[in-house]
Amino acid sequence: MKNEMKNEQAVSPVIATILMVAITVVLAGVLYVWANSLAADQPESGTRNSYTAEDATASTSAATDDLLMQVRWQHAEDDLNWAFVVMKLSVGDSTYNCNTAGDVECSIGQDGSDDAMWETGEFLTLSESGSDIANGATTINLYVTYRGTAVAGDDSVSVS
């Protein structure tokens, strides 16, 4: 009689297995949704855009406001937010920062309609802004990153 009473009060092994599987599936779903939302919140890194740079065909001199080069997209899928773009020029041991505000050694001019973005269809002009970066024939190295990742493109330009 005691065994019959225990059997009636016990949970069937089949029901216990079904409950364990159901709990595991629900928990896996919750973890998947949580991990997916964490991944979606991560900032995008880099871009697949690539640029080409060339001499601006203006003569460089000892002045500090020479037009240096033009930069165009060779391949562009994304508009790049200037807040995440770092552009630098170097000549020999000297490095020059570039920005669109013109308050550093190198000024970036844009032909697009949105000053906050480096748009897919626009070209840039890089000019000296208070610094003599090039005087006569000069090879200028160009470094561009977006969100900390290098943007593919020409890494040096000869200007004259």
C-alpha atoms as a PDB file:
ATOM      1  CA  MET A   1       0.000   0.000   0.000  1.00  0.00           C
ATOM      2  CA  LYS A   2       2.861   2.391   0.752  1.00  0.00           C
ATOM      3  CA  ASN A   3       4.381   1.835  -2.714  1.00  0.00           C
ATOM      4  CA  GLU A   4       1.046   2.570  -4.408  1.00  0.00           C
ATOM      5  CA  MET A   5       0.757   5.833  -2.461  1.00  0.00           C
ATOM      6  CA  LYS A   6       4.289   6.910  -3.461  1.00  0.00           C
ATOM      7  CA  ASN A   7       3.639   6.101  -7.128  1.00  0.00           C
ATOM      8  CA  GLU A   8       0.469   8.199  -7.156  1.00  0.00           C
ATOM      9  CA  GLN A   9       2.280  11.197  -5.617  1.00  0.00           C
ATOM     10  CA  ALA A  10       5.401  10.979  -7.805  1.00  0.00           C
ATOM     11  CA  VAL A  11       5.749  12.863 -11.098  1.00  0.00           C
ATOM     12  CA  SER A  12       5.937  10.640 -14.107  1.00  0.00           C
ATOM     13  CA  PRO A  13       9.474  10.440 -15.612  1.00  0.00           C
ATOM     14  CA  VAL A  14       7.996  11.294 -19.042  1.00  0.00           C
ATOM     15  CA  ILE A  15       6.345  14.470 -17.733  1.00  0.00           C
ATOM     16  CA  ALA A  16       9.555  15.429 -15.900  1.00  0.00           C
ATOM     17  CA  THR A  17      11.578  15.026 -19.101  1.00  0.00           C
ATOM     18  CA  ILE A  18       9.085  17.117 -21.106  1.00  0.00           C
ATOM     19  CA  LEU A  19       9.221  19.871 -18.466  1.00  0.00           C
ATOM     20  CA  MET A  20      13.041  19.898 -18.485  1.00  0.00           C
ATOM     21  CA  VAL A  21      13.144  20.145 -22.300  1.00  0.00           C
ATOM     22  CA  ALA A  22      10.554  22.938 -22.300  1.00  0.00           C
ATOM     23  CA  ILE A  23      12.476  24.928 -19.678  1.00  0.00           C
ATOM     24  CA  THR A  24      15.728  24.443 -21.620  1.00  0.00           C
ATOM     25  CA  VAL A  25      14.133  25.660 -24.891  1.00  0.00           C
ATOM     26  CA  VAL A  26      12.645  28.737 -23.225  1.00  0.00           C
ATOM     27  CA  LEU A  27      15.948  29.567 -21.526  1.00  0.00           C
ATOM     28  CA  ALA A  28      17.859  29.145 -24.809  1.00  0.00           C
ATOM     29  CA  GLY A  29      15.400  31.503 -26.536  1.00  0.00           C
ATOM     30  CA  VAL A  30      15.792  34.148 -23.847  1.00  0.00           C
ATOM     31  CA  LEU A  31      19.597  33.919 -24.033  1.00  0.00           C
ATOM     32  CA  TYR A  32      19.501  34.178 -27.848  1.00  0.00           C
ATOM     33  CA  VAL A  33      17.332  37.317 -27.775  1.00  0.00           C
ATOM     34  CA  TRP A  34      19.569  38.882 -25.107  1.00  0.00           C
ATOM     35  CA  ALA A  35      22.812  38.112 -26.972  1.00  0.00           C
ATOM     36  CA  ASN A  36      21.338  39.325 -30.270  1.00  0.00           C
ATOM     37  CA  SER A  37      20.309  42.661 -28.740  1.00  0.00           C
ATOM     38  CA  LEU A  38      23.801  43.116 -27.283  1.00  0.00           C
ATOM     39  CA  ALA A  39      25.365  42.477 -30.675  1.00  0.00           C
ATOM     40  CA  ALA A  40      22.997  44.916 -32.396  1.00  0.00           C
ATOM     41  CA  ASP A  41      23.916  47.679 -29.934  1.00  0.00           C
ATOM     42  CA  GLN A  42      27.602  47.521 -30.860  1.00  0.00           C
ATOM     43  CA  PRO A  43      28.830  50.388 -33.047  1.00  0.00           C
ATOM     44  CA  GLU A  44      29.730  49.489 -36.594  1.00  0.00           C
ATOM     45  CA  SER A  45      33.434  49.316 -37.153  1.00  0.00           C
ATOM     46  CA  GLY A  46      35.061  50.543 -40.289  1.00  0.00           C
ATOM     47  CA  THR A  47      33.654  50.678 -43.777  1.00  0.00           C
ATOM     48  CA  ARG A  48      34.097  48.918 -47.083  1.00  0.00           C
ATOM     49  CA  ASN A  49      34.442  52.265 -48.885  1.00  0.00           C
ATOM     50  CA  SER A  50      37.723  52.987 -50.650  1.00  0.00           C
ATOM     51  CA  TYR A  51      39.112  56.282 -51.904  1.00  0.00           C
ATOM     52  CA  THR A  52      41.622  57.571 -54.396  1.00  0.00           C
ATOM     53  CA  ALA A  53      43.699  60.717 -53.958  1.00  0.00           C
ATOM     54  CA  GLU A  54      45.516  62.838 -56.532  1.00  0.00           C
ATOM     55  CA  ASP A  55      47.393  66.097 -56.887  1.00  0.00           C
ATOM     56  CA  ALA A  56      45.036  69.067 -57.017  1.00  0.00           C
ATOM     57  CA  THR A  57      47.093  70.452 -59.944  1.00  0.00           C
ATOM     58  CA  ALA A  58      47.670  73.717 -58.102  1.00  0.00           C
ATOM     59  CA  SER A  59      51.279  74.741 -57.450  1.00  0.00           C
ATOM     60  CA  THR A  60      52.546  74.428 -53.902  1.00  0.00           C
ATOM     61  CA  SER A  61      54.709  77.174 -52.437  1.00  0.00           C
ATOM     62  CA  ALA A  62      56.079  78.500 -49.159  1.00  0.00           C
ATOM     63  CA  ALA A  63      52.622  79.932 -48.431  1.00  0.00           C
ATOM     64  CA  THR A  64      50.431  78.302 -45.792  1.00  0.00           C
ATOM     65  CA  ASP A  65      47.185  78.105 -47.775  1.00  0.00           C
ATOM     66  CA  ASP A  66      48.097  75.954 -50.789  1.00  0.00           C
ATOM     67  CA  LEU A  67      45.586  73.537 -52.302  1.00  0.00           C
ATOM     68  CA  LEU A  68      47.188  70.094 -51.946  1.00  0.00           C
ATOM     69  CA  MET A  69      45.039  67.232 -53.240  1.00  0.00           C
ATOM     70  CA  GLN A  70      41.629  65.951 -54.191  1.00  0.00           C
ATOM     71  CA  VAL A  71      40.138  62.838 -52.613  1.00  0.00           C
ATOM     72  CA  ARG A  72      37.329  60.922 -54.336  1.00  0.00           C
ATOM     73  CA  TRP A  73      35.526  57.709 -53.553  1.00  0.00           C
ATOM     74  CA  GLN A  74      36.698  54.835 -55.710  1.00  0.00           C
ATOM     75  CA  HIS A  75      34.010  52.634 -54.152  1.00  0.00           C
ATOM     76  CA  ALA A  76      31.439  53.939 -51.665  1.00  0.00           C
ATOM     77  CA  GLU A  77      28.577  52.129 -49.952  1.00  0.00           C
ATOM     78  CA  ASP A  78      28.261  54.332 -46.870  1.00  0.00           C
ATOM     79  CA  ASP A  79      28.171  58.015 -46.001  1.00  0.00           C
ATOM     80  CA  LEU A  80      30.762  58.463 -43.251  1.00  0.00           C
ATOM     81  CA  ASN A  81      30.014  60.642 -40.240  1.00  0.00           C
ATOM     82  CA  TRP A  82      32.878  63.130 -39.783  1.00  0.00           C
ATOM     83  CA  ALA A  83      32.673  62.605 -35.999  1.00  0.00           C
ATOM     84  CA  PHE A  84      34.232  59.156 -36.573  1.00  0.00           C
ATOM     85  CA  VAL A  85      36.683  59.989 -39.398  1.00  0.00           C
ATOM     86  CA  VAL A  86      40.335  60.702 -38.638  1.00  0.00           C
ATOM     87  CA  MET A  87      42.389  62.072 -41.526  1.00  0.00           C
ATOM     88  CA  LYS A  88      46.091  62.875 -41.239  1.00  0.00           C
ATOM     89  CA  LEU A  89      48.820  63.875 -43.650  1.00  0.00           C
ATOM     90  CA  SER A  90      52.504  63.305 -43.094  1.00  0.00           C
ATOM     91  CA  VAL A  91      55.574  64.635 -44.813  1.00  0.00           C
ATOM     92  CA  GLY A  92      58.849  63.238 -43.539  1.00  0.00           C
ATOM     93  CA  ASP A  93      58.717  63.292 -39.742  1.00  0.00           C
ATOM     94  CA  SER A  94      55.874  65.834 -39.564  1.00  0.00           C
ATOM     95  CA  THR A  95      52.225  64.819 -39.161  1.00  0.00           C
ATOM     96  CA  TYR A  96      49.301  67.157 -39.843  1.00  0.00           C
ATOM     97  CA  ASN A  97      45.698  66.733 -38.728  1.00  0.00           C
ATOM     98  CA  CYS A  98      42.878  67.451 -41.169  1.00  0.00           C
ATOM     99  CA  ASN A  99      39.282  68.417 -40.444  1.00  0.00           C
ATOM    100  CA  THR A 100      36.316  70.157 -42.008  1.00  0.00           C
ATOM    101  CA  ALA A 101      36.340  73.028 -39.489  1.00  0.00           C
ATOM    102  CA  GLY A 102      39.668  74.354 -40.810  1.00  0.00           C
ATOM    103  CA  ASP A 103      41.029  74.897 -37.299  1.00  0.00           C
ATOM    104  CA  VAL A 104      43.965  72.473 -37.682  1.00  0.00           C
ATOM    105  CA  GLU A 105      46.956  72.327 -40.062  1.00  0.00           C
ATOM    106  CA  CYS A 106      44.974  70.815 -42.964  1.00  0.00           C
ATOM    107  CA  SER A 107      41.526  71.907 -44.050  1.00  0.00           C
ATOM    108  CA  ILE A 108      39.021  69.574 -45.742  1.00  0.00           C
ATOM    109  CA  GLY A 109      36.667  71.178 -48.272  1.00  0.00           C
ATOM    110  CA  GLN A 110      33.532  69.299 -49.312  1.00  0.00           C
ATOM    111  CA  ASP A 111      31.229  69.564 -52.322  1.00  0.00           C
ATOM    112  CA  GLY A 112      28.337  67.567 -50.800  1.00  0.00           C
ATOM    113  CA  SER A 113      25.126  68.836 -49.233  1.00  0.00           C
ATOM    114  CA  ASP A 114      25.612  67.494 -45.670  1.00  0.00           C
ATOM    115  CA  ASP A 115      28.540  69.057 -43.789  1.00  0.00           C
ATOM    116  CA  ALA A 116      28.348  66.380 -41.065  1.00  0.00           C
ATOM    117  CA  MET A 117      28.926  63.517 -43.518  1.00  0.00           C
ATOM    118  CA  TRP A 118      31.515  62.438 -46.058  1.00  0.00           C
ATOM    119  CA  GLU A 119      28.907  61.507 -48.624  1.00  0.00           C
ATOM    120  CA  THR A 120      29.236  58.690 -51.151  1.00  0.00           C
ATOM    121  CA  GLY A 121      29.006  60.995 -54.177  1.00  0.00           C
ATOM    122  CA  GLU A 122      31.245  63.854 -53.088  1.00  0.00           C
ATOM    123  CA  PHE A 123      34.909  64.708 -53.513  1.00  0.00           C
ATOM    124  CA  LEU A 124      37.121  66.464 -51.006  1.00  0.00           C
ATOM    125  CA  THR A 125      39.858  69.042 -51.399  1.00  0.00           C
ATOM    126  CA  LEU A 126      42.661  69.130 -48.861  1.00  0.00           C
ATOM    127  CA  SER A 127      44.420  72.447 -48.312  1.00  0.00           C
ATOM    128  CA  GLU A 128      47.014  73.886 -46.012  1.00  0.00           C
ATOM    129  CA  SER A 129      45.473  75.809 -43.156  1.00  0.00           C
ATOM    130  CA  GLY A 130      48.161  77.930 -41.550  1.00  0.00           C
ATOM    131  CA  SER A 131      50.976  75.377 -41.995  1.00  0.00           C
ATOM    132  CA  ASP A 132      53.443  74.975 -44.849  1.00  0.00           C
ATOM    133  CA  ILE A 133      52.877  71.258 -45.530  1.00  0.00           C
ATOM    134  CA  ALA A 134      54.272  71.211 -49.076  1.00  0.00           C
ATOM    135  CA  ASN A 135      56.651  73.534 -50.879  1.00  0.00           C
ATOM    136  CA  GLY A 136      57.300  72.432 -54.449  1.00  0.00           C
ATOM    137  CA  ALA A 137      57.344  68.742 -55.394  1.00  0.00           C
ATOM    138  CA  THR A 138      56.452  66.794 -52.246  1.00  0.00           C
ATOM    139  CA  THR A 139      55.236  63.276 -51.467  1.00  0.00           C
ATOM    140  CA  ILE A 140      52.452  63.427 -48.895  1.00  0.00           C
ATOM    141  CA  ASN A 141      51.371  60.315 -47.004  1.00  0.00           C
ATOM    142  CA  LEU A 142      47.653  60.095 -46.279  1.00  0.00           C
ATOM    143  CA  TYR A 143      46.090  58.190 -43.358  1.00  0.00           C
ATOM    144  CA  VAL A 144      42.306  57.817 -43.079  1.00  0.00           C
ATOM    145  CA  THR A 145      40.424  55.840 -40.440  1.00  0.00           C
ATOM    146  CA  TYR A 146      36.734  55.416 -39.726  1.00  0.00           C
ATOM    147  CA  ARG A 147      35.702  54.261 -36.260  1.00  0.00           C
ATOM    148  CA  GLY A 148      39.301  53.254 -35.632  1.00  0.00           C
ATOM    149  CA  THR A 149      39.662  51.083 -38.740  1.00  0.00           C
ATOM    150  CA  ALA A 150      41.762  52.119 -41.748  1.00  0.00           C
ATOM    151  CA  VAL A 151      39.818  53.148 -44.846  1.00  0.00           C
ATOM    152  CA  ALA A 152      41.243  51.576 -47.994  1.00  0.00           C
ATOM    153  CA  GLY A 153      42.822  53.975 -50.435  1.00  0.00           C
ATOM    154  CA  ASP A 154      45.942  55.691 -51.709  1.00  0.00           C
ATOM    155  CA  ASP A 155      48.485  56.040 -48.949  1.00  0.00           C
ATOM    156  CA  SER A 156      50.661  58.620 -50.684  1.00  0.00           C
ATOM    157  CA  VAL A 157      50.266  61.381 -53.255  1.00  0.00           C
ATOM    158  CA  SER A 158      52.932  63.362 -55.076  1.00  0.00           C
ATOM    159  CA  VAL A 159      52.047  67.041 -55.275  1.00  0.00           C
ATOM    160  CA  SER A 160      53.973  69.790 -57.019  1.00  0.00           C
END
